[in-house]
Amino acid sequence: MNLDVLILVAGGAIAILAAGLVLALSPARYPSLVAAGALAALGVLQFGWARAASPVAGGENRIWFELSLAFAVIVSLLWVLLSRTIGLGSRPSPIGPWRYYILAQALCAAAAVARLAISPTWEDSVAIGGGLAYALGPFTTMLVVAQLLNLVLLTASFESTYFALPASSRRAFLPGLIGILAWTGYFTYASVESLIVGAVHVGDLSTGAFAVIDVSLLLSISLIRGRVGEAHVRRERRPLTRTMSVGFTMAFLLATTGLLWFARATGWSLARSIWILIGLAGALGLAALMVSNRVQRRVQRWIDPYLYGGALDRSGVERRANELLGEARSWVDLSGVIPSGTEEIVGARPVTLFLASGSGDRFTVAGSTLEPAPDVVVDVEAPLAIELKRAGRAIRLRGRPDDLEYIPIYVENAIQLEACDAVCAAPLLLDESRLVGFILCGERGNDPASRRQLLPLLDLVCGHYSDALSRVSPTIAMMGHLAPRI
């Protein structure tokens, strides 16, 4: 028994043990049953890979590899089912059109297993990097593609479910989501690599056992201690096409295709092509950072939560926001609480709240810490509203003359920005997509660190405001439906 076999057997045993613990200890019966089945199937698959990796004479290694590859499609389908089950509560619920996709793939996988059991492909084994690998023929290539598709879909589905859960359930599900991303990310990479080289390396399968162990342990923690199986999504799940999982996968596939084309066109090796392209991208990216305000803003917005967000008392901010919002019983109460609450929590002054009008064609002032409140409105087609809807997070309005990206806002919404003494704007969204209002606020302190903390703080409190607006009154929810989908 070699090391690859030992690792795979250990991964399979841990996955099956985790399935038993979930089935016995997780309180939600139906999600627990589906999760236990998915984990157990993943564990059994590791035993199949171990049989394919073991030094058995008579050519059975290849047969076990092909049967395990077909079984891997079935395993990924179980995880697709689990991704649509989490967030629907503890009882069985319809999963919509997904049942037809799972049915079609399951029938195809059953046909593949039957075909391989009767007549294996008998493709040759090859040596890659000194290790054993199994060459892919047309039929086994289709199985790898089917598994790759399922991995991408289930990852995007879990991500969509995560962002649709309430904050407490989201925190509880985070360990499980990290494990799922580690597992699917690794095998997505391994699947693409196998398609590129035309063979599946046994070493990749054994290394993948560590990802299997991760997802088994972390998902069990979320289901048992976090009671995620009982959670209900609070909003409509975002379309899979709008998830980062699909975006990253498409970018990875396009980048890989472009890299292979570049290597073949130049005649260079793959390593040389990667090195040259990374060097060119780094140099051009640094040059763009030096001359482009738009690139600088994007980089600053990306690094600020890491550089300055750690100093924020997030638990204290959330606790105070919940205290203020808990006293509000209607959208009128919230209109009075949000401006003063933002000024207290964030430390930015002044603060003005805009909410969608009943007709849905404009945003009007609903509350402000300015006395008297500014008498201005913002059309839903105005550049400020469109940019807030597009960005989905707080933006800084600095008004620099060379800031070309926000020139339409500075020109068309100058009156509103001046009336509210605003340097920042933050959106209030329903279902993370419908703009029902926004906040305009002034600066936070005088030192650079306080200013750089302003946008992360606004994002944090505005998430609570959006939840409160959608919860306390159907009027606000109706406004979100009336407002045009800008």
Protein backbone atom coordinates (compact mmCIF):
# COMPACT_ATOMS: atom_id res chain seq x y z
CA MET A 1 0.00 0.00 0.00
CA ASN A 2 1.57 3.30 -1.12
CA LEU A 3 1.23 6.79 0.33
CA ASP A 4 -1.43 7.89 -2.20
CA VAL A 5 -3.67 5.00 -1.16
CA LEU A 6 -3.20 5.73 2.56
CA ILE A 7 -4.13 9.40 2.10
CA LEU A 8 -7.21 8.57 0.04
CA VAL A 9 -8.41 5.91 2.50
CA ALA A 10 -7.93 8.33 5.42
CA GLY A 11 -9.90 11.03 3.58
CA GLY A 12 -12.70 8.60 2.80
CA ALA A 13 -12.91 7.36 6.40
CA ILE A 14 -13.08 10.92 7.79
CA ALA A 15 -15.80 11.91 5.30
CA ILE A 16 -17.93 8.88 6.24
CA LEU A 17 -17.38 9.55 9.96
CA ALA A 18 -18.45 13.16 9.44
CA ALA A 19 -21.57 11.94 7.64
CA GLY A 20 -22.47 9.80 10.64
CA LEU A 21 -21.96 12.67 13.06
CA VAL A 22 -24.13 15.01 10.96
CA LEU A 23 -26.88 12.42 10.73
CA ALA A 24 -26.80 11.78 14.48
CA LEU A 25 -26.21 15.26 15.89
CA SER A 26 -27.50 17.83 13.41
CA PRO A 27 -30.99 18.93 14.53
CA ALA A 28 -32.56 19.51 11.09
CA ARG A 29 -33.64 16.12 9.82
CA TYR A 30 -34.04 16.60 6.06
CA PRO A 31 -31.00 18.82 5.39
CA SER A 32 -28.99 16.55 7.70
CA LEU A 33 -30.02 13.51 5.68
CA VAL A 34 -29.02 15.14 2.38
CA ALA A 35 -25.73 16.42 3.84
CA ALA A 36 -24.92 13.03 5.36
CA GLY A 37 -25.61 11.36 2.02
CA ALA A 38 -23.37 13.84 0.19
CA LEU A 39 -20.52 13.40 2.68
CA ALA A 40 -20.83 9.62 2.73
CA ALA A 41 -20.83 9.46 -1.06
CA LEU A 42 -17.74 11.67 -1.11
CA GLY A 43 -16.06 9.27 1.32
CA VAL A 44 -16.95 6.22 -0.75
CA LEU A 45 -15.53 7.98 -3.82
CA GLN A 46 -12.18 8.29 -2.03
CA PHE A 47 -12.11 4.50 -1.63
CA GLY A 48 -12.73 4.17 -5.37
CA TRP A 49 -9.80 6.50 -6.12
CA ALA A 50 -7.68 4.51 -3.64
CA ARG A 51 -8.49 1.28 -5.49
CA ALA A 52 -7.48 2.92 -8.77
CA ALA A 53 -4.20 4.11 -7.20
CA SER A 54 -3.27 0.81 -5.59
CA PRO A 55 -0.69 -1.47 -7.28
CA VAL A 56 -3.12 -4.24 -8.29
CA ALA A 57 -2.18 -6.51 -11.16
CA GLY A 58 -4.52 -7.58 -13.93
CA GLY A 59 -5.52 -4.16 -15.23
CA GLU A 60 -8.26 -3.53 -12.63
CA ASN A 61 -6.76 -0.16 -11.74
CA ARG A 62 -8.02 1.34 -14.99
CA ILE A 63 -11.52 -0.12 -14.54
CA TRP A 64 -11.74 1.28 -11.02
CA PHE A 65 -10.58 4.69 -12.24
CA GLU A 66 -13.27 4.85 -14.93
CA LEU A 67 -16.04 3.63 -12.63
CA SER A 68 -14.96 6.10 -9.93
CA LEU A 69 -14.92 8.92 -12.50
CA ALA A 70 -18.54 8.13 -13.41
CA PHE A 71 -19.44 7.87 -9.72
CA ALA A 72 -17.84 11.29 -9.15
CA VAL A 73 -20.54 12.82 -11.36
CA ILE A 74 -23.20 11.28 -9.11
CA VAL A 75 -21.42 12.59 -6.00
CA SER A 76 -21.28 16.11 -7.41
CA LEU A 77 -25.02 15.91 -8.15
CA LEU A 78 -25.70 15.08 -4.49
CA TRP A 79 -23.80 18.23 -3.56
CA VAL A 80 -25.81 20.22 -6.08
CA LEU A 81 -28.96 18.97 -4.33
CA LEU A 82 -27.50 19.93 -0.94
CA SER A 83 -26.67 23.43 -2.24
CA ARG A 84 -30.35 23.96 -3.10
CA THR A 85 -31.59 22.36 0.16
CA ILE A 86 -29.62 24.51 2.60
CA GLY A 87 -31.59 27.64 3.41
CA LEU A 88 -35.05 26.13 2.89
CA GLY A 89 -35.58 25.08 6.51
CA SER A 90 -35.74 21.69 8.15
CA ARG A 91 -38.53 20.19 6.01
CA PRO A 92 -38.42 19.04 2.36
CA SER A 93 -39.16 21.92 -0.02
CA PRO A 94 -39.41 22.15 -3.81
CA ILE A 95 -36.14 23.02 -5.56
CA GLY A 96 -37.78 24.21 -8.78
CA PRO A 97 -36.18 23.63 -12.19
CA TRP A 98 -33.08 22.22 -10.52
CA ARG A 99 -34.82 18.86 -10.18
CA TYR A 100 -34.89 18.50 -13.96
CA TYR A 101 -31.20 19.26 -14.23
CA ILE A 102 -30.35 16.75 -11.49
CA LEU A 103 -32.66 14.14 -13.06
CA ALA A 104 -31.08 14.51 -16.50
CA GLN A 105 -27.54 14.34 -15.15
CA ALA A 106 -28.39 11.39 -12.90
CA LEU A 107 -29.77 9.39 -15.82
CA CYS A 108 -26.68 10.19 -17.89
CA ALA A 109 -24.40 9.19 -14.99
CA ALA A 110 -26.29 5.90 -14.55
CA ALA A 111 -25.88 5.21 -18.26
CA ALA A 112 -22.17 5.99 -18.00
CA VAL A 113 -21.71 3.59 -15.08
CA ALA A 114 -23.57 0.83 -16.97
CA ARG A 115 -21.55 1.45 -20.12
CA LEU A 116 -18.20 1.32 -18.27
CA ALA A 117 -19.24 -1.77 -16.29
CA ILE A 118 -20.04 -3.64 -19.51
CA SER A 119 -17.23 -2.29 -21.69
CA PRO A 120 -14.40 -0.23 -20.15
CA THR A 121 -12.54 2.12 -22.48
CA TRP A 122 -9.12 0.57 -21.73
CA GLU A 123 -7.22 3.79 -22.37
CA ASP A 124 -3.50 3.56 -21.65
CA SER A 125 -1.92 4.55 -18.35
CA VAL A 126 0.83 7.12 -18.67
CA ALA A 127 3.59 8.54 -16.48
CA ILE A 128 3.48 12.30 -15.71
CA GLY A 129 6.21 13.79 -13.56
CA GLY A 130 7.27 10.34 -12.46
CA GLY A 131 3.80 9.42 -11.17
CA LEU A 132 0.90 7.31 -12.43
CA ALA A 133 -1.76 9.00 -14.57
CA TYR A 134 -4.76 7.78 -16.56
CA ALA A 135 -5.17 9.05 -20.12
CA LEU A 136 -8.54 10.54 -21.02
CA GLY A 137 -10.43 9.32 -24.07
CA PRO A 138 -13.54 10.95 -25.56
CA PHE A 139 -15.92 9.22 -23.13
CA THR A 140 -13.93 9.87 -19.94
CA THR A 141 -13.33 13.46 -21.08
CA MET A 142 -17.10 13.99 -21.16
CA LEU A 143 -17.30 12.70 -17.58
CA VAL A 144 -14.66 15.18 -16.43
CA VAL A 145 -16.52 18.02 -18.18
CA ALA A 146 -19.82 16.99 -16.52
CA GLN A 147 -18.16 16.94 -13.11
CA LEU A 148 -16.54 20.33 -13.77
CA LEU A 149 -19.94 21.81 -14.66
CA ASN A 150 -21.47 20.45 -11.46
CA LEU A 151 -18.60 21.79 -9.35
CA VAL A 152 -19.06 25.29 -10.76
CA LEU A 153 -22.84 25.22 -10.31
CA LEU A 154 -22.82 23.89 -6.76
CA THR A 155 -20.15 26.41 -5.70
CA ALA A 156 -22.18 29.28 -7.14
CA SER A 157 -25.35 27.90 -5.53
CA PHE A 158 -23.75 27.67 -2.07
CA GLU A 159 -22.41 31.20 -2.47
CA SER A 160 -25.86 32.46 -3.50
CA THR A 161 -27.43 30.76 -0.48
CA TYR A 162 -24.80 32.20 1.87
CA PHE A 163 -25.56 35.80 0.92
CA ALA A 164 -29.32 35.20 1.16
CA LEU A 165 -29.12 33.96 4.78
CA PRO A 166 -29.63 36.19 7.83
CA ALA A 167 -26.47 37.56 9.42
CA SER A 168 -26.41 35.03 12.29
CA SER A 169 -26.92 32.06 9.98
CA ARG A 170 -24.35 33.50 7.58
CA ARG A 171 -21.72 33.52 10.33
CA ALA A 172 -22.59 29.96 11.29
CA PHE A 173 -22.37 28.79 7.68
CA LEU A 174 -19.02 30.49 7.02
CA PRO A 175 -16.81 27.53 8.13
CA GLY A 176 -18.79 25.16 5.90
CA LEU A 177 -18.62 27.56 2.96
CA ILE A 178 -14.83 27.86 3.37
CA GLY A 179 -14.53 24.07 3.29
CA ILE A 180 -16.77 23.83 0.23
CA LEU A 181 -14.77 26.51 -1.61
CA ALA A 182 -11.49 24.75 -0.77
CA TRP A 183 -12.81 21.42 -2.03
CA THR A 184 -14.52 22.63 -5.19
CA GLY A 185 -11.74 25.09 -5.97
CA TYR A 186 -9.08 22.40 -5.86
CA PHE A 187 -11.01 19.91 -7.97
CA THR A 188 -12.04 22.61 -10.46
CA TYR A 189 -8.35 23.32 -10.94
CA ALA A 190 -7.52 19.60 -11.13
CA SER A 191 -10.31 19.01 -13.68
CA VAL A 192 -9.14 21.85 -15.92
CA GLU A 193 -5.54 20.65 -15.66
CA SER A 194 -6.61 17.11 -16.59
CA LEU A 195 -8.47 18.38 -19.64
CA ILE A 196 -5.42 20.38 -20.71
CA VAL A 197 -2.89 17.53 -20.39
CA GLY A 198 -5.38 14.83 -21.42
CA ALA A 199 -4.84 12.71 -18.34
CA VAL A 200 -5.77 12.49 -14.64
CA HIS A 201 -2.79 12.31 -12.31
CA VAL A 202 -3.15 9.99 -9.31
CA GLY A 203 -1.13 12.46 -7.24
CA ASP A 204 -3.82 15.12 -7.84
CA LEU A 205 -6.47 12.73 -6.54
CA SER A 206 -4.53 11.93 -3.36
CA THR A 207 -3.80 15.61 -2.71
CA GLY A 208 -7.52 16.28 -3.14
CA ALA A 209 -8.16 14.05 -0.13
CA PHE A 210 -6.97 16.91 2.10
CA ALA A 211 -9.66 19.16 0.58
CA VAL A 212 -12.18 16.39 1.24
CA ILE A 213 -11.10 16.30 4.89
CA ASP A 214 -11.49 20.09 5.11
CA VAL A 215 -15.03 20.13 3.75
CA SER A 216 -16.03 17.14 5.90
CA LEU A 217 -14.90 18.76 9.14
CA LEU A 218 -15.91 22.36 8.44
CA LEU A 219 -19.34 21.59 7.01
CA SER A 220 -20.05 19.30 9.98
CA ILE A 221 -19.26 22.17 12.35
CA SER A 222 -21.71 24.46 10.53
CA LEU A 223 -24.48 21.87 10.47
CA ILE A 224 -24.06 20.63 14.06
CA ARG A 225 -22.95 23.65 16.09
CA GLY A 226 -24.26 26.35 13.77
CA ARG A 227 -27.60 24.61 13.11
CA VAL A 228 -27.45 25.85 9.51
CA GLY A 229 -29.88 23.16 8.39
CA GLU A 230 -32.68 24.99 10.21
CA ALA A 231 -31.94 28.37 8.59
CA HIS A 232 -34.24 30.08 6.10
CA VAL A 233 -33.05 32.46 3.42
CA ARG A 234 -34.32 35.97 4.12
CA ARG A 235 -34.29 37.21 0.54
CA GLU A 236 -34.38 35.87 -2.97
CA ARG A 237 -31.14 34.13 -3.86
CA ARG A 238 -29.02 36.04 -6.33
CA PRO A 239 -28.78 34.51 -9.84
CA LEU A 240 -25.84 32.17 -10.25
CA THR A 241 -24.55 34.29 -13.12
CA ARG A 242 -24.01 37.15 -10.63
CA THR A 243 -21.92 35.10 -8.19
CA MET A 244 -18.16 35.42 -7.84
CA SER A 245 -17.80 31.66 -8.25
CA VAL A 246 -19.02 31.72 -11.84
CA GLY A 247 -17.05 34.89 -12.57
CA PHE A 248 -13.80 33.46 -11.23
CA THR A 249 -14.33 30.19 -13.09
CA MET A 250 -15.02 31.93 -16.38
CA ALA A 251 -12.00 34.18 -15.87
CA PHE A 252 -9.83 31.16 -15.08
CA LEU A 253 -11.01 29.26 -18.15
CA LEU A 254 -10.55 32.27 -20.42
CA ALA A 255 -7.12 33.00 -18.98
CA THR A 256 -6.07 29.37 -19.41
CA THR A 257 -7.33 29.29 -23.00
CA GLY A 258 -5.53 32.55 -23.79
CA LEU A 259 -2.33 31.31 -22.17
CA LEU A 260 -2.34 28.09 -24.19
CA TRP A 261 -2.99 30.02 -27.40
CA PHE A 262 -0.16 32.43 -26.59
CA ALA A 263 2.26 29.59 -25.86
CA ARG A 264 1.44 27.81 -29.11
CA ALA A 265 1.55 31.01 -31.18
CA THR A 266 4.99 31.99 -29.85
CA GLY A 267 6.42 28.50 -29.57
CA TRP A 268 7.48 29.21 -25.99
CA SER A 269 7.07 26.81 -23.09
CA LEU A 270 4.09 27.20 -20.77
CA ALA A 271 6.30 28.31 -17.86
CA ARG A 272 8.07 30.92 -20.03
CA SER A 273 4.75 32.24 -21.32
CA ILE A 274 3.35 32.59 -17.79
CA TRP A 275 6.48 34.37 -16.59
CA ILE A 276 6.45 36.87 -19.46
CA LEU A 277 2.73 37.59 -19.20
CA ILE A 278 2.95 38.11 -15.42
CA GLY A 279 5.84 40.52 -15.94
CA LEU A 280 3.96 42.50 -18.59
CA ALA A 281 0.75 42.57 -16.52
CA GLY A 282 2.63 43.72 -13.43
CA ALA A 283 4.44 46.52 -15.23
CA LEU A 284 1.32 47.76 -17.03
CA GLY A 285 -0.76 47.50 -13.85
CA LEU A 286 1.78 49.57 -11.90
CA ALA A 287 1.80 52.20 -14.66
CA ALA A 288 -2.03 52.34 -14.63
CA LEU A 289 -2.00 52.71 -10.85
CA MET A 290 0.26 55.74 -11.14
CA VAL A 291 -1.81 57.64 -13.74
CA SER A 292 -5.44 56.48 -13.38
CA ASN A 293 -7.69 57.81 -10.63
CA ARG A 294 -10.17 55.05 -11.37
CA VAL A 295 -7.57 52.32 -10.79
CA GLN A 296 -6.34 54.07 -7.64
CA ARG A 297 -9.90 54.22 -6.29
CA ARG A 298 -10.47 50.54 -7.04
CA VAL A 299 -7.24 49.51 -5.32
CA GLN A 300 -7.87 51.77 -2.35
CA ARG A 301 -11.43 50.47 -1.98
CA TRP A 302 -10.10 46.91 -2.05
CA ILE A 303 -7.31 47.35 0.49
CA ASP A 304 -9.00 49.77 2.93
CA PRO A 305 -11.06 47.07 4.72
CA TYR A 306 -7.82 45.16 5.36
CA LEU A 307 -5.64 48.15 6.29
CA TYR A 308 -8.18 50.05 8.37
CA GLY A 309 -11.13 47.69 8.89
CA GLY A 310 -9.26 45.69 11.53
CA ALA A 311 -9.21 48.68 13.86
CA LEU A 312 -12.99 48.97 13.77
CA ASP A 313 -15.04 47.71 16.70
CA ARG A 314 -17.38 45.73 14.48
CA SER A 315 -19.22 43.99 17.30
CA GLY A 316 -19.74 47.33 19.05
CA VAL A 317 -20.95 48.99 15.84
CA GLU A 318 -23.37 46.15 15.12
CA ARG A 319 -24.63 46.11 18.70
CA ARG A 320 -25.30 49.85 18.72
CA ALA A 321 -26.94 49.73 15.30
CA ASN A 322 -29.24 46.93 16.45
CA GLU A 323 -30.14 48.91 19.59
CA LEU A 324 -31.10 51.97 17.56
CA LEU A 325 -32.98 50.04 14.90
CA GLY A 326 -34.75 47.86 17.46
CA GLU A 327 -36.62 50.91 18.71
CA ALA A 328 -38.03 51.66 15.26
CA ARG A 329 -41.43 50.21 14.44
CA SER A 330 -42.13 51.86 11.10
CA TRP A 331 -40.28 53.42 8.18
CA VAL A 332 -41.08 56.83 9.64
CA ASP A 333 -39.22 55.87 12.82
CA LEU A 334 -36.29 54.66 10.76
CA SER A 335 -36.21 57.91 8.82
CA GLY A 336 -35.55 59.71 12.09
CA VAL A 337 -33.16 57.13 13.53
CA ILE A 338 -30.87 56.51 10.55
CA PRO A 339 -29.38 60.03 10.09
CA SER A 340 -28.68 60.63 13.78
CA GLY A 341 -27.60 57.01 14.29
CA THR A 342 -25.14 57.23 11.42
CA GLU A 343 -23.70 60.45 12.79
CA GLU A 344 -23.27 58.79 16.21
CA ILE A 345 -21.88 55.45 15.05
CA VAL A 346 -19.83 56.50 12.04
CA GLY A 347 -18.82 59.94 13.23
CA ALA A 348 -19.50 61.56 9.85
CA ARG A 349 -21.28 64.91 9.77
CA PRO A 350 -23.75 65.87 8.41
CA VAL A 351 -25.90 62.90 7.33
CA THR A 352 -28.93 63.03 5.01
CA LEU A 353 -31.20 60.08 4.19
CA PHE A 354 -32.94 59.75 0.82
CA LEU A 355 -35.72 57.19 0.22
CA ALA A 356 -37.62 56.26 -2.93
CA SER A 357 -40.86 58.17 -3.43
CA GLY A 358 -44.18 56.39 -3.68
CA SER A 359 -44.18 56.83 -7.46
CA GLY A 360 -40.72 55.35 -7.66
CA ASP A 361 -39.35 58.00 -10.03
CA ARG A 362 -37.18 59.93 -7.56
CA PHE A 363 -35.47 59.86 -4.19
CA THR A 364 -36.57 62.46 -1.66
CA VAL A 365 -35.10 63.56 1.66
CA ALA A 366 -36.61 61.44 4.45
CA GLY A 367 -34.40 62.66 7.29
CA SER A 368 -31.29 64.73 7.95
CA THR A 369 -29.10 66.03 10.74
CA LEU A 370 -29.05 69.38 8.94
CA GLU A 371 -31.50 72.02 10.12
CA PRO A 372 -33.50 72.67 8.07
CA ALA A 373 -33.38 69.50 5.99
CA PRO A 374 -32.19 70.08 2.41
CA ASP A 375 -35.03 70.65 -0.05
CA VAL A 376 -33.60 68.56 -2.91
CA VAL A 377 -34.52 65.42 -4.83
CA VAL A 378 -32.52 62.94 -6.91
CA ASP A 379 -34.05 61.33 -9.99
CA VAL A 380 -33.68 57.57 -10.30
CA GLU A 381 -31.99 58.14 -13.66
CA ALA A 382 -29.48 60.59 -12.20
CA PRO A 383 -25.79 59.60 -12.35
CA LEU A 384 -25.56 59.41 -8.53
CA ALA A 385 -28.39 56.87 -8.24
CA ILE A 386 -27.13 54.82 -11.18
CA GLU A 387 -23.59 54.65 -9.76
CA LEU A 388 -24.78 53.64 -6.28
CA LYS A 389 -26.92 50.88 -7.78
CA ARG A 390 -24.02 49.67 -9.90
CA ALA A 391 -21.40 49.79 -7.14
CA GLY A 392 -23.63 48.31 -4.42
CA ARG A 393 -21.46 49.89 -1.70
CA ALA A 394 -20.32 53.24 -0.36
CA ILE A 395 -18.43 55.56 -2.70
CA ARG A 396 -16.28 58.60 -2.00
CA LEU A 397 -17.10 61.79 -3.88
CA ARG A 398 -13.97 63.88 -3.84
CA GLY A 399 -14.77 66.22 -6.73
CA ARG A 400 -11.27 66.29 -8.20
CA PRO A 401 -11.18 68.04 -11.61
CA ASP A 402 -9.24 65.12 -13.15
CA ASP A 403 -11.58 62.47 -11.72
CA LEU A 404 -13.20 61.48 -15.01
CA GLU A 405 -15.22 58.55 -13.66
CA TYR A 406 -17.51 60.67 -11.47
CA ILE A 407 -17.70 63.80 -13.64
CA PRO A 408 -21.41 63.12 -14.50
CA ILE A 409 -22.19 63.04 -10.76
CA TYR A 410 -20.28 66.25 -10.08
CA VAL A 411 -22.06 68.01 -12.93
CA GLU A 412 -25.65 66.74 -12.70
CA ASN A 413 -25.88 66.17 -8.94
CA ALA A 414 -23.76 69.12 -7.80
CA ILE A 415 -26.77 70.87 -6.23
CA GLN A 416 -27.66 67.86 -4.07
CA LEU A 417 -24.05 67.23 -3.00
CA GLU A 418 -23.56 70.86 -2.03
CA ALA A 419 -26.89 71.09 -0.21
CA CYS A 420 -26.05 67.99 1.86
CA ASP A 421 -22.36 68.93 2.30
CA ALA A 422 -21.58 65.41 1.08
CA VAL A 423 -18.23 63.78 0.46
CA CYS A 424 -19.55 60.18 0.55
CA ALA A 425 -22.66 58.26 -0.52
CA ALA A 426 -23.83 54.80 0.54
CA PRO A 427 -26.71 52.78 -0.99
CA LEU A 428 -29.62 51.08 0.78
CA LEU A 429 -30.53 47.94 -1.15
CA LEU A 430 -33.34 45.41 -0.99
CA ASP A 431 -32.37 41.87 -1.99
CA GLU A 432 -28.88 43.27 -2.70
CA SER A 433 -30.12 44.57 -6.06
CA ARG A 434 -32.96 47.11 -5.64
CA LEU A 435 -31.94 50.63 -4.69
CA VAL A 436 -34.61 51.99 -2.32
CA GLY A 437 -32.58 54.80 -0.80
CA PHE A 438 -29.13 56.09 0.03
CA ILE A 439 -27.21 58.19 2.52
CA LEU A 440 -25.19 61.31 1.77
CA CYS A 441 -22.74 62.24 4.50
CA GLY A 442 -19.83 64.54 5.26
CA GLU A 443 -16.29 63.75 6.36
CA ARG A 444 -15.25 61.64 9.36
CA GLY A 445 -12.54 63.33 11.37
CA ASN A 446 -9.45 65.07 10.09
CA ASP A 447 -6.73 62.43 10.22
CA PRO A 448 -6.17 60.11 7.20
CA ALA A 449 -6.91 56.90 9.15
CA SER A 450 -10.37 58.12 10.18
CA ARG A 451 -11.17 59.12 6.64
CA ARG A 452 -10.07 55.78 5.23
CA GLN A 453 -12.33 53.98 7.75
CA LEU A 454 -15.39 55.90 6.58
CA LEU A 455 -16.39 53.67 3.65
CA PRO A 456 -16.00 50.32 5.52
CA LEU A 457 -18.06 51.77 8.38
CA LEU A 458 -20.80 52.97 6.04
CA ASP A 459 -20.96 49.57 4.34
CA LEU A 460 -21.32 47.90 7.74
CA VAL A 461 -24.13 50.09 9.11
CA CYS A 462 -25.98 50.39 5.78
CA GLY A 463 -26.30 46.61 5.64
CA HIS A 464 -28.23 46.79 8.93
CA TYR A 465 -30.30 49.72 7.65
CA SER A 466 -31.29 47.80 4.52
CA ASP A 467 -32.38 44.82 6.61
CA ALA A 468 -34.43 47.07 8.90
CA LEU A 469 -36.10 48.88 6.02
CA SER A 470 -37.19 45.61 4.43
CA ARG A 471 -38.40 44.25 7.77
CA VAL A 472 -40.43 47.00 9.44
CA SER A 473 -42.77 48.09 6.71
CA PRO A 474 -44.27 46.70 3.51
CA THR A 475 -44.32 50.30 2.25
CA ILE A 476 -40.55 50.26 1.79
CA ALA A 477 -40.68 46.85 0.16
CA MET A 478 -43.30 48.18 -2.22
CA MET A 479 -41.06 51.14 -2.99
CA GLY A 480 -38.35 48.71 -3.99
CA HIS A 481 -40.73 47.10 -6.46
CA LEU A 482 -41.97 50.44 -7.77
CA ALA A 483 -38.52 51.86 -8.26
CA PRO A 484 -37.27 51.24 -11.79
CA ARG A 485 -34.60 48.56 -12.14
CA ILE A 486 -31.81 51.03 -12.74
